[in-house]
């Protein structure tokens, strides 16, 4: 079975029921628009009303029309089709239309600059690009160069720029029957790009079997039923958001795409759409709790009793955050999911909703997955010792596209070497220690930034923190803490030094920088940005001191 068959099943069984809702809270007008097949052009891009919805039947017909549009242009099975759009109700029909045509979907990070877009399109051999209005200014200056590789540009929106064609106007003349392209689980399905937190993005190739396995694992882990409603906030171009939504696809249940992360918007969306499952990133969960604490969000104004599960992934989760969350929402089930784009996103390791006493762990191997912790020679380390986490399962990537050297570095004998340092406790639960590349070696001691960050987040004035290694002429590296304080609060180095007396001396930050902590759209701290920003200044300081 391939993932497109789930969409076709839902259209057949639940065709008139709502599959997707898009909410745009920043819009002043409170107007609802329902997509209907016979008003395809005029309703496809209304000027961003507050709410839009799409039935399972129209979702499938939309995907079929776009898939047939690709075929009508001579696009062959196996061709790469890029997607460059913000989260919107058009996103998933485009994605599934690409798959139905037998093509390979290539979602692009909406934060990419023009140069990064050009790099990724070239790396992935993209022939067709589907894009939204937010990207005209980035694409227009490079459109002529891109046409050497990309021969068709489809625009999702009104008033298509002159280098593109209006997507849904063209699709309106195509059949809404399924494209006549046979698909097998072994067929290539999608190329995702690594987040770039450890360097320039790599292109990650997955087949249909891997994507289908992610859908099944997500539903097994969180038990989605037809009655659930999933609130999706993170970007769909990333495996995390999409693979979690695949659980809704598997169950045939509604999902809500919320364009915005303000705490009051999240609570309003959960209330109005009766959401039962919400996946949050660490900063959004912190912001919501802060808004409740300072009175900006009054829970009495919302209907949240049906909200049954809050889960977090994409980054290490501070145990203090979850303890704080459970005090406010004691009835919530909680889960955390670990995964990489190389393992089709979340789920190769997950905590499990009944293991709250193990908060701080990422959990045990997920559905159909295996995991080990090994030393530099690939030998399993003893219980409690730190090593590299490696995983094996049906969602492991085929390769880094056009990069056999990098592929050989991480794929060995069927195991994916994650680059994450971890340990396993006596009950078999795995705890992340840090990224292998983020480990700080200071005076011969290994420092794991995540451990220091978890400690510092206990301070009631700290909103976010990142610990990085900076060069030092004597110790090689020192631990530097970039501290982002909560709004309206001040924190001094003296206060922080006193707080850190509980830490072993060698683990205490030797430099403190009060500044914002940058995170990418999936919530990961952009440590390469911080190292580049502060390393040169540290070198100058060290040379001056010497």
Protein backbone atom coordinates (compact mmCIF):
# COMPACT_ATOMS: atom_id res chain seq x y z
CA UNK A 1 0.00 0.00 0.00
CA UNK A 2 1.18 3.56 -0.73
CA UNK A 3 0.20 6.75 1.06
CA UNK A 4 -2.01 8.05 -1.78
CA UNK A 5 -4.32 5.07 -1.28
CA UNK A 6 -5.19 6.37 2.19
CA UNK A 7 -6.40 9.64 0.68
CA UNK A 8 -8.46 7.78 -1.91
CA UNK A 9 -9.97 5.56 0.80
CA UNK A 10 -10.95 8.60 2.89
CA UNK A 11 -12.50 10.30 -0.14
CA UNK A 12 -14.50 7.18 -0.85
CA UNK A 13 -15.69 6.60 2.73
CA UNK A 14 -15.88 10.14 4.13
CA UNK A 15 -16.07 12.28 1.00
CA UNK A 16 -18.42 14.97 2.35
CA UNK A 17 -16.67 15.31 5.72
CA UNK A 18 -14.10 18.02 6.47
CA UNK A 19 -10.49 16.90 6.12
CA UNK A 20 -8.58 20.17 6.48
CA UNK A 21 -9.23 23.58 7.98
CA UNK A 22 -6.96 26.60 7.55
CA UNK A 23 -7.12 29.36 10.15
CA UNK A 24 -5.62 32.82 9.63
CA UNK A 25 -6.07 34.61 12.98
CA UNK A 26 -4.23 37.73 11.81
CA UNK A 27 -7.13 38.49 9.47
CA UNK A 28 -9.67 40.90 10.89
CA UNK A 29 -12.60 39.54 8.92
CA UNK A 30 -14.24 36.45 10.35
CA UNK A 31 -15.40 34.88 7.13
CA UNK A 32 -15.63 31.17 6.37
CA UNK A 33 -15.00 29.85 2.87
CA UNK A 34 -15.51 26.24 1.80
CA UNK A 35 -13.72 24.98 -1.29
CA UNK A 36 -16.17 23.46 -3.76
CA UNK A 37 -15.08 21.66 -6.88
CA UNK A 38 -17.32 23.62 -9.22
CA UNK A 39 -15.98 27.00 -8.10
CA UNK A 40 -12.41 25.84 -8.43
CA UNK A 41 -10.80 29.01 -9.75
CA UNK A 42 -12.59 31.75 -7.89
CA UNK A 43 -12.48 30.07 -4.46
CA UNK A 44 -9.00 28.61 -4.70
CA UNK A 45 -7.24 31.74 -3.53
CA UNK A 46 -9.64 34.05 -1.71
CA UNK A 47 -7.85 36.97 -0.12
CA UNK A 48 -6.96 35.10 3.05
CA UNK A 49 -10.24 34.88 4.97
CA UNK A 50 -10.12 33.85 8.59
CA UNK A 51 -11.20 30.27 7.92
CA UNK A 52 -11.16 27.90 4.94
CA UNK A 53 -12.06 24.24 4.87
CA UNK A 54 -11.76 21.31 2.48
CA UNK A 55 -13.63 17.99 2.40
CA UNK A 56 -11.95 14.64 1.85
CA UNK A 57 -13.66 14.35 -1.53
CA UNK A 58 -12.46 17.73 -2.76
CA UNK A 59 -9.00 17.09 -1.30
CA UNK A 60 -8.67 13.95 -3.43
CA UNK A 61 -10.11 15.60 -6.56
CA UNK A 62 -7.74 18.55 -6.12
CA UNK A 63 -4.78 16.21 -5.88
CA UNK A 64 -5.97 14.30 -8.96
CA UNK A 65 -6.36 17.47 -11.00
CA UNK A 66 -2.89 18.69 -10.11
CA UNK A 67 -1.35 15.27 -10.81
CA UNK A 68 -3.03 15.22 -14.22
CA UNK A 69 -1.83 18.76 -14.88
CA UNK A 70 1.75 17.56 -14.41
CA UNK A 71 1.17 14.64 -16.76
CA UNK A 72 -0.39 16.96 -19.36
CA UNK A 73 2.89 18.90 -19.46
CA UNK A 74 4.91 15.83 -20.25
CA UNK A 75 6.24 15.43 -16.70
CA UNK A 76 7.32 11.81 -16.33
CA UNK A 77 7.24 9.45 -13.39
CA UNK A 78 10.27 10.12 -11.20
CA UNK A 79 10.53 13.83 -12.04
CA UNK A 80 11.19 16.15 -9.09
CA UNK A 81 8.59 18.81 -8.26
CA UNK A 82 9.42 21.49 -5.70
CA UNK A 83 6.96 23.04 -3.24
CA UNK A 84 7.68 26.51 -1.88
CA UNK A 85 4.63 27.65 0.06
CA UNK A 86 3.66 28.76 3.52
CA UNK A 87 1.29 26.46 5.39
CA UNK A 88 -2.07 26.71 3.65
CA UNK A 89 -4.97 24.54 2.59
CA UNK A 90 -3.46 24.16 -0.91
CA UNK A 91 -0.22 22.63 0.38
CA UNK A 92 -1.29 19.03 0.92
CA UNK A 93 -3.39 18.68 -2.29
CA UNK A 94 -0.32 19.82 -4.24
CA UNK A 95 1.89 17.35 -2.36
CA UNK A 96 -0.47 14.44 -3.02
CA UNK A 97 -0.96 15.49 -6.64
CA UNK A 98 2.79 15.20 -7.13
CA UNK A 99 2.82 11.71 -5.60
CA UNK A 100 -0.21 10.58 -7.61
CA UNK A 101 1.59 11.57 -10.82
CA UNK A 102 4.47 9.30 -9.81
CA UNK A 103 6.72 12.31 -9.28
CA UNK A 104 8.99 13.06 -6.34
CA UNK A 105 7.83 15.85 -4.01
CA UNK A 106 10.58 18.27 -2.93
CA UNK A 107 9.35 20.57 -0.12
CA UNK A 108 11.50 23.65 0.47
CA UNK A 109 12.08 25.61 3.66
CA UNK A 110 10.10 28.85 3.47
CA UNK A 111 12.97 30.71 5.16
CA UNK A 112 15.43 29.99 2.36
CA UNK A 113 17.01 32.98 0.67
CA UNK A 114 17.10 33.18 -3.11
CA UNK A 115 20.58 31.65 -3.19
CA UNK A 116 19.53 28.78 -0.94
CA UNK A 117 16.44 28.13 -3.06
CA UNK A 118 18.62 28.01 -6.17
CA UNK A 119 21.10 25.67 -4.48
CA UNK A 120 18.41 23.22 -3.32
CA UNK A 121 16.54 23.21 -6.63
CA UNK A 122 19.77 22.38 -8.41
CA UNK A 123 20.86 19.77 -5.88
CA UNK A 124 17.53 17.94 -6.14
CA UNK A 125 17.24 18.26 -9.95
CA UNK A 126 13.85 19.97 -9.64
CA UNK A 127 12.03 20.37 -12.96
CA UNK A 128 8.79 22.00 -11.76
CA UNK A 129 8.29 24.48 -8.92
CA UNK A 130 4.98 25.27 -7.22
CA UNK A 131 5.15 28.46 -5.16
CA UNK A 132 3.02 30.97 -3.27
CA UNK A 133 2.80 34.75 -3.16
CA UNK A 134 5.26 35.14 -0.28
CA UNK A 135 8.11 34.04 -2.55
CA UNK A 136 7.67 36.22 -5.63
CA UNK A 137 10.27 38.73 -4.45
CA UNK A 138 12.81 35.96 -3.84
CA UNK A 139 12.20 34.12 -7.10
CA UNK A 140 11.77 36.98 -9.56
CA UNK A 141 15.47 38.10 -9.53
CA UNK A 142 16.71 34.54 -10.17
CA UNK A 143 13.88 33.24 -12.38
CA UNK A 144 15.88 33.40 -15.62
CA UNK A 145 18.77 31.47 -14.09
CA UNK A 146 16.38 28.93 -12.59
CA UNK A 147 14.82 28.26 -15.99
CA UNK A 148 17.99 26.44 -17.00
CA UNK A 149 16.85 23.74 -14.60
CA UNK A 150 13.18 24.45 -13.76
CA UNK A 151 11.13 24.57 -16.95
CA UNK A 152 7.68 25.12 -15.36
CA UNK A 153 6.60 27.42 -12.54
CA UNK A 154 3.08 27.05 -11.11
CA UNK A 155 1.82 29.90 -8.95
CA UNK A 156 -0.73 29.32 -6.17
CA UNK A 157 -2.52 32.64 -5.81
CA UNK A 158 -4.09 35.43 -7.78
CA UNK A 159 -2.28 37.49 -10.45
CA UNK A 160 0.53 35.11 -11.32
CA UNK A 161 3.90 36.79 -12.00
CA UNK A 162 5.01 36.76 -15.64
CA UNK A 163 7.53 33.94 -15.18
CA UNK A 164 4.82 31.53 -13.95
CA UNK A 165 1.41 30.03 -14.69
CA UNK A 166 -1.69 30.12 -12.44
CA UNK A 167 -1.80 26.66 -10.87
CA UNK A 168 -5.49 26.07 -10.23
CA UNK A 169 -6.72 27.83 -13.35
CA UNK A 170 -4.71 25.35 -15.39
CA UNK A 171 -5.73 22.42 -13.18
CA UNK A 172 -9.43 23.29 -13.61
CA UNK A 173 -9.29 21.88 -17.15
CA UNK A 174 -7.76 18.57 -16.04
CA UNK A 175 -9.57 15.38 -15.05
CA UNK A 176 -10.48 14.83 -11.41
CA UNK A 177 -10.00 11.08 -11.86
CA UNK A 178 -6.86 9.52 -10.41
CA UNK A 179 -3.82 9.86 -12.69
CA UNK A 180 -3.15 6.56 -14.52
CA UNK A 181 0.27 6.03 -12.95
CA UNK A 182 0.95 2.76 -11.06
CA UNK A 183 2.80 3.25 -7.76
CA UNK A 184 4.80 0.72 -5.77
CA UNK A 185 6.12 0.95 -2.20
CA UNK A 186 9.67 0.82 -3.61
CA UNK A 187 9.14 3.90 -5.81
CA UNK A 188 10.91 7.11 -4.85
CA UNK A 189 8.44 9.52 -3.23
CA UNK A 190 10.03 12.60 -1.68
CA UNK A 191 13.21 14.54 -1.09
CA UNK A 192 13.45 16.45 2.18
CA UNK A 193 16.28 18.74 3.17
CA UNK A 194 18.13 18.45 6.45
CA UNK A 195 17.50 21.37 8.77
CA UNK A 196 20.95 22.84 8.25
CA UNK A 197 21.68 23.12 11.99
CA UNK A 198 25.00 21.34 11.40
CA UNK A 199 25.86 22.76 7.98
CA UNK A 200 24.36 23.36 4.54
CA UNK A 201 21.25 21.26 3.85
CA UNK A 202 21.56 17.77 2.40
CA UNK A 203 18.88 16.25 0.16
CA UNK A 204 17.28 13.20 1.81
CA UNK A 205 15.56 10.67 -0.47
CA UNK A 206 12.66 8.53 0.78
CA UNK A 207 10.45 5.99 -0.96
CA UNK A 208 6.72 5.38 -0.58
CA UNK A 209 7.28 2.52 1.88
CA UNK A 210 9.08 4.85 4.30
CA UNK A 211 6.34 7.47 4.16
CA UNK A 212 3.60 4.90 4.61
CA UNK A 213 5.42 3.42 7.60
CA UNK A 214 5.56 6.88 9.21
CA UNK A 215 1.79 7.18 8.88
CA UNK A 216 1.17 3.83 10.50
CA UNK A 217 3.67 4.46 13.32
CA UNK A 218 2.14 7.85 14.15
CA UNK A 219 -1.34 6.36 14.47
CA UNK A 220 -0.04 3.46 16.59
CA UNK A 221 1.78 5.86 18.94
CA UNK A 222 -1.05 8.34 19.51
CA UNK A 223 -4.15 6.30 18.81
CA UNK A 224 -5.86 8.75 16.45
CA UNK A 225 -9.49 7.91 15.79
CA UNK A 226 -12.13 9.40 13.49
CA UNK A 227 -13.23 11.64 16.37
CA UNK A 228 -9.82 13.28 16.88
CA UNK A 229 -8.94 16.73 15.56
CA UNK A 230 -5.24 17.50 15.14
CA UNK A 231 -3.97 21.07 15.43
CA UNK A 232 -0.93 21.48 13.16
CA UNK A 233 1.17 24.62 13.58
CA UNK A 234 4.75 23.72 12.44
CA UNK A 235 5.70 24.06 8.75
CA UNK A 236 4.49 21.33 6.41
CA UNK A 237 7.73 21.36 4.42
CA UNK A 238 9.35 19.59 7.36
CA UNK A 239 8.92 15.88 7.99
CA UNK A 240 7.84 16.49 11.59
CA UNK A 241 4.57 18.31 10.93
CA UNK A 242 3.63 16.22 7.91
CA UNK A 243 4.35 12.84 9.47
CA UNK A 244 2.28 13.75 12.54
CA UNK A 245 -0.55 14.80 10.23
CA UNK A 246 -0.22 11.41 8.52
CA UNK A 247 -1.76 9.95 11.69
CA UNK A 248 -4.91 11.96 10.93
CA UNK A 249 -4.79 10.75 7.32
CA UNK A 250 -4.49 7.16 8.55
CA UNK A 251 -7.50 7.58 10.85
CA UNK A 252 -9.57 9.68 8.43
CA UNK A 253 -9.89 12.52 10.95
CA UNK A 254 -9.88 16.29 10.62
CA UNK A 255 -6.78 18.46 10.96
CA UNK A 256 -6.46 22.21 11.45
CA UNK A 257 -3.62 24.28 9.97
CA UNK A 258 -3.08 27.29 12.23
CA UNK A 259 -1.10 30.13 10.68
CA UNK A 260 0.33 31.76 13.77
CA UNK A 261 1.71 30.81 17.17
CA UNK A 262 0.32 33.39 19.60
CA UNK A 263 -0.91 31.65 22.78
CA UNK A 264 -4.40 33.13 22.49
CA UNK A 265 -4.63 31.94 18.86
CA UNK A 266 -3.74 28.39 19.90
CA UNK A 267 -6.38 28.38 22.64
CA UNK A 268 -8.97 29.90 20.31
CA UNK A 269 -8.26 27.31 17.60
CA UNK A 270 -8.53 24.43 20.10
CA UNK A 271 -11.83 25.88 21.33
CA UNK A 272 -13.46 26.68 17.98
CA UNK A 273 -12.38 23.53 16.15
CA UNK A 274 -12.64 21.22 19.19
CA UNK A 275 -9.04 20.06 18.78
CA UNK A 276 -8.01 16.97 20.74
CA UNK A 277 -4.33 16.66 19.79
CA UNK A 278 -1.84 19.51 19.63
CA UNK A 279 1.81 19.24 18.67
CA UNK A 280 3.90 22.12 20.02
CA UNK A 281 7.51 23.16 19.83
CA UNK A 282 9.27 24.03 23.07
CA UNK A 283 9.15 27.85 22.59
CA UNK A 284 5.40 27.79 21.88
CA UNK A 285 4.65 25.69 24.95
CA UNK A 286 6.76 28.06 27.07
CA UNK A 287 4.99 31.09 25.60
CA UNK A 288 1.57 29.62 26.34
CA UNK A 289 2.46 28.88 29.96
CA UNK A 290 3.96 32.36 30.36
CA UNK A 291 0.80 33.93 28.92
CA UNK A 292 -1.31 31.97 31.40
CA UNK A 293 0.96 32.95 34.29
CA UNK A 294 0.88 36.68 33.53
CA UNK A 295 -2.84 36.80 32.78
CA UNK A 296 -2.73 37.41 29.03
CA UNK A 297 -4.55 34.09 28.56
CA UNK A 298 -7.44 33.26 30.89
CA UNK A 299 -8.27 29.58 30.54
CA UNK A 300 -11.82 30.25 31.76
CA UNK A 301 -12.48 31.97 28.43
CA UNK A 302 -11.81 28.81 26.39
CA UNK A 303 -13.30 25.34 26.01
CA UNK A 304 -10.35 22.98 26.30
CA UNK A 305 -11.72 19.89 28.04
CA UNK A 306 -11.58 17.79 24.85
CA UNK A 307 -7.84 18.49 24.41
CA UNK A 308 -6.44 15.08 25.37
CA UNK A 309 -2.83 15.01 24.14
CA UNK A 310 0.02 17.50 23.97
CA UNK A 311 3.20 16.26 22.42
CA UNK A 312 6.53 17.86 21.62
CA UNK A 313 9.35 16.90 19.32
CA UNK A 314 12.09 18.26 17.05
CA UNK A 315 14.43 19.08 19.94
CA UNK A 316 15.37 18.07 23.50
CA UNK A 317 12.49 18.87 25.85
CA UNK A 318 13.33 20.38 29.26
CA UNK A 319 11.76 18.20 32.00
CA UNK A 320 10.98 21.38 33.94
CA UNK A 321 8.71 22.52 31.10
CA UNK A 322 6.62 19.34 31.20
CA UNK A 323 6.33 19.40 35.00
CA UNK A 324 5.10 22.97 34.69
CA UNK A 325 2.67 21.99 31.90
CA UNK A 326 1.17 19.15 33.93
CA UNK A 327 0.44 21.52 36.79
CA UNK A 328 -1.66 23.69 34.45
CA UNK A 329 -3.14 20.84 32.37
CA UNK A 330 -3.17 17.81 34.71
CA UNK A 331 -5.62 15.86 32.51
CA UNK A 332 -3.40 15.99 29.42
CA UNK A 333 -1.59 12.96 28.16
CA UNK A 334 1.96 13.88 27.17
CA UNK A 335 4.34 12.38 24.64
CA UNK A 336 7.61 13.34 23.07
CA UNK A 337 8.83 12.04 19.75
CA UNK A 338 12.37 11.75 18.49
CA UNK A 339 13.29 11.50 14.86
CA UNK A 340 15.24 12.94 11.99
CA UNK A 341 14.37 13.80 8.43
CA UNK A 342 16.65 10.86 7.60
CA UNK A 343 14.19 8.61 9.47
CA UNK A 344 11.00 10.14 8.00
CA UNK A 345 10.67 12.48 10.90
CA UNK A 346 9.29 11.66 14.34
CA UNK A 347 8.64 8.26 15.76
CA UNK A 348 11.77 6.12 15.51
CA UNK A 349 11.99 6.70 19.27
CA UNK A 350 9.06 7.91 21.36
CA UNK A 351 8.27 8.22 25.04
CA UNK A 352 4.73 6.84 25.04
CA UNK A 353 1.72 8.51 26.61
CA UNK A 354 1.76 6.30 29.71
CA UNK A 355 5.36 7.01 30.70
CA UNK A 356 5.12 10.46 32.25
CA UNK A 357 7.32 9.31 35.14
CA UNK A 358 10.15 9.11 32.59
CA UNK A 359 9.82 12.73 31.48
CA UNK A 360 13.22 13.85 30.22
CA UNK A 361 13.73 10.66 28.22
CA UNK A 362 12.99 10.48 24.51
CA UNK A 363 11.66 6.98 25.14
CA UNK A 364 12.08 3.57 23.56
CA UNK A 365 12.24 2.43 19.92
CA UNK A 366 9.02 3.27 18.12
CA UNK A 367 6.63 1.02 16.20
CA UNK A 368 8.69 -1.28 13.92
CA UNK A 369 11.95 0.44 14.95
CA UNK A 370 15.12 -0.73 16.72
CA UNK A 371 17.73 1.42 18.47
CA UNK A 372 21.22 0.97 19.89
CA UNK A 373 23.79 3.18 21.61
CA UNK A 374 27.32 2.56 20.38
CA UNK A 375 30.89 3.78 20.78
CA UNK A 376 33.13 5.14 18.03
CA UNK A 377 33.75 1.58 16.80
CA UNK A 378 30.06 0.73 16.51
CA UNK A 379 30.11 -1.47 19.63
CA UNK A 380 27.21 -1.23 22.09
CA UNK A 381 28.11 0.70 25.23
CA UNK A 382 27.09 -0.50 28.72
CA UNK A 383 23.86 0.68 30.31
CA UNK A 384 24.15 4.26 31.55
CA UNK A 385 27.17 5.18 29.43
CA UNK A 386 27.08 7.79 26.70
CA UNK A 387 27.42 6.79 23.06
CA UNK A 388 25.96 7.56 19.66
CA UNK A 389 22.31 6.67 19.05
CA UNK A 390 21.75 4.56 15.93
CA UNK A 391 18.36 3.41 14.63
CA UNK A 392 17.02 0.86 12.17
CA UNK A 393 13.54 0.59 10.69
CA UNK A 394 11.29 0.94 7.63
CA UNK A 395 11.56 4.73 7.59
CA UNK A 396 15.33 5.01 7.13
CA UNK A 397 16.21 7.10 4.09
CA UNK A 398 17.47 5.56 0.87
CA UNK A 399 20.40 7.98 0.68
CA UNK A 400 21.55 11.55 0.63
CA UNK A 401 20.69 12.34 -2.98
CA UNK A 402 23.82 12.78 -5.12
CA UNK A 403 26.07 12.52 -2.07
CA UNK A 404 27.38 8.95 -1.68
CA UNK A 405 30.21 10.00 0.65
CA UNK A 406 27.83 11.55 3.18
CA UNK A 407 25.49 8.56 2.81
CA UNK A 408 28.28 6.13 3.67
CA UNK A 409 29.11 8.13 6.79
CA UNK A 410 25.65 7.62 8.33
CA UNK A 411 24.26 4.41 6.77
CA UNK A 412 26.17 1.33 7.90
CA UNK A 413 24.87 -2.24 7.68
CA UNK A 414 21.28 -1.00 7.63
CA UNK A 415 21.70 1.26 10.67
CA UNK A 416 21.32 5.04 10.59
CA UNK A 417 23.96 6.81 12.69
CA UNK A 418 22.07 9.83 14.05
CA UNK A 419 24.95 11.95 15.32
CA UNK A 420 23.11 12.29 18.65
CA UNK A 421 24.79 11.28 21.88
CA UNK A 422 22.56 9.36 24.26
CA UNK A 423 22.42 6.96 27.18
CA UNK A 424 19.99 4.20 28.20
CA UNK A 425 18.70 3.65 31.73
CA UNK A 426 17.99 0.40 33.55
CA UNK A 427 14.41 0.33 32.19
CA UNK A 428 15.51 0.70 28.57
CA UNK A 429 14.52 4.35 28.20
CA UNK A 430 16.83 6.48 26.08
CA UNK A 431 17.96 9.96 27.11
CA UNK A 432 19.52 12.42 24.68
CA UNK A 433 22.74 13.96 25.93
CA UNK A 434 23.65 16.16 22.97
CA UNK A 435 24.52 16.38 19.32
CA UNK A 436 27.86 14.71 18.63
CA UNK A 437 29.06 17.86 16.87
CA UNK A 438 27.90 20.09 19.74
CA UNK A 439 29.90 18.36 22.46
CA UNK A 440 32.35 20.82 24.05
CA UNK A 441 35.80 19.56 25.00
CA UNK A 442 37.13 21.91 27.67
CA UNK A 443 40.46 21.12 29.30
CA UNK A 444 40.03 17.47 28.32
CA UNK A 445 36.53 17.19 29.82
CA UNK A 446 33.48 16.44 27.65
CA UNK A 447 30.67 18.93 28.29
CA UNK A 448 27.19 18.21 26.95
CA UNK A 449 25.38 21.51 26.30
CA UNK A 450 21.87 20.04 26.61
CA UNK A 451 22.57 19.03 30.22
CA UNK A 452 23.71 22.55 31.08
CA UNK A 453 20.76 24.08 29.21
CA UNK A 454 18.28 21.90 31.12
CA UNK A 455 19.79 23.08 34.40
CA UNK A 456 19.73 26.77 33.46
CA UNK A 457 16.10 26.61 32.29
CA UNK A 458 15.07 25.94 35.88
CA UNK A 459 15.77 29.61 36.66
CA UNK A 460 12.43 31.42 36.77
CA UNK A 461 13.77 34.44 34.87
CA UNK A 462 15.13 32.47 31.89
CA UNK A 463 12.90 32.04 28.84
CA UNK A 464 15.41 30.27 26.58
CA UNK A 465 19.06 29.31 26.63
CA UNK A 466 21.70 27.91 24.30
CA UNK A 467 25.10 26.65 25.37
CA UNK A 468 27.88 26.58 22.79
CA UNK A 469 31.62 26.06 22.76
CA UNK A 470 33.83 29.07 22.14
CA UNK A 471 37.57 28.93 21.45
CA UNK A 472 39.90 29.44 24.40
CA UNK A 473 43.73 29.60 24.21
CA UNK A 474 44.19 27.65 27.45
CA UNK A 475 41.33 25.14 27.59
CA UNK A 476 40.73 24.72 23.88
CA UNK A 477 37.04 25.50 24.34
CA UNK A 478 34.86 26.98 27.04
CA UNK A 479 31.11 26.71 27.59
CA UNK A 480 29.27 29.93 26.79
CA UNK A 481 25.60 30.41 27.69
CA UNK A 482 23.43 32.64 25.53
CA UNK A 483 20.57 33.63 27.84
CA UNK A 484 17.21 35.00 26.72
CA UNK A 485 15.30 36.35 29.71
CA UNK A 486 11.55 36.44 30.10
CA UNK A 487 9.80 39.60 29.01
CA UNK A 488 10.07 42.39 31.59
CA UNK A 489 12.67 40.57 33.69
CA UNK A 490 16.35 41.30 34.23
CA UNK A 491 19.05 38.85 35.23
CA UNK A 492 22.63 39.63 36.23
CA UNK A 493 25.74 37.51 35.81
CA UNK A 494 26.12 37.55 39.60
CA UNK A 495 22.64 36.03 40.02
CA UNK A 496 23.43 33.41 37.42
CA UNK A 497 26.78 32.56 39.03
CA UNK A 498 25.04 32.01 42.37
CA UNK A 499 22.39 29.82 40.72
CA UNK A 500 25.10 27.71 39.00
CA UNK A 501 26.80 26.81 42.27
CA UNK A 502 24.69 23.63 42.21
CA UNK A 503 26.52 22.57 39.03
CA UNK A 504 29.93 20.87 39.15
CA UNK A 505 32.50 23.58 38.62
CA UNK A 506 33.70 22.23 35.26
CA UNK A 507 30.14 22.37 33.86
CA UNK A 508 29.49 25.99 34.78
CA UNK A 509 29.35 28.44 31.85
CA UNK A 510 32.56 30.48 31.74
CA UNK A 511 30.96 33.16 29.59
CA UNK A 512 27.42 34.54 29.70
CA UNK A 513 25.82 36.48 26.84
CA UNK A 514 22.38 38.04 27.27
CA UNK A 515 20.72 37.91 23.84
CA UNK A 516 17.91 36.30 21.88
CA UNK A 517 18.23 32.59 21.13
CA UNK A 518 17.60 31.96 17.41
CA UNK A 519 15.56 28.88 16.46
CA UNK A 520 14.66 27.54 13.04
CA UNK A 521 11.00 26.95 12.02
CA UNK A 522 11.05 23.47 13.57
CA UNK A 523 12.20 24.81 16.92
CA UNK A 524 15.84 23.72 16.85
CA UNK A 525 18.41 26.12 18.24
CA UNK A 526 20.58 27.44 15.42
CA UNK A 527 23.90 26.78 17.11
CA UNK A 528 26.02 27.25 13.96
CA UNK A 529 24.61 30.79 13.76
CA UNK A 530 25.54 31.42 17.39
CA UNK A 531 29.03 29.96 17.01
CA UNK A 532 29.68 32.10 13.96
CA UNK A 533 28.25 35.16 15.69
CA UNK A 534 30.29 34.88 18.87
CA UNK A 535 33.41 32.85 18.03
CA UNK A 536 35.21 35.62 16.15
CA UNK A 537 34.58 38.05 18.98
CA UNK A 538 35.93 35.50 21.44
CA UNK A 539 39.07 34.97 19.39
CA UNK A 540 39.76 38.70 19.33
CA UNK A 541 39.18 38.86 23.08
CA UNK A 542 41.53 35.91 23.67
CA UNK A 543 44.27 37.37 21.48
CA UNK A 544 43.96 40.73 23.26
CA UNK A 545 44.18 39.04 26.65
CA UNK A 546 47.22 37.04 25.57
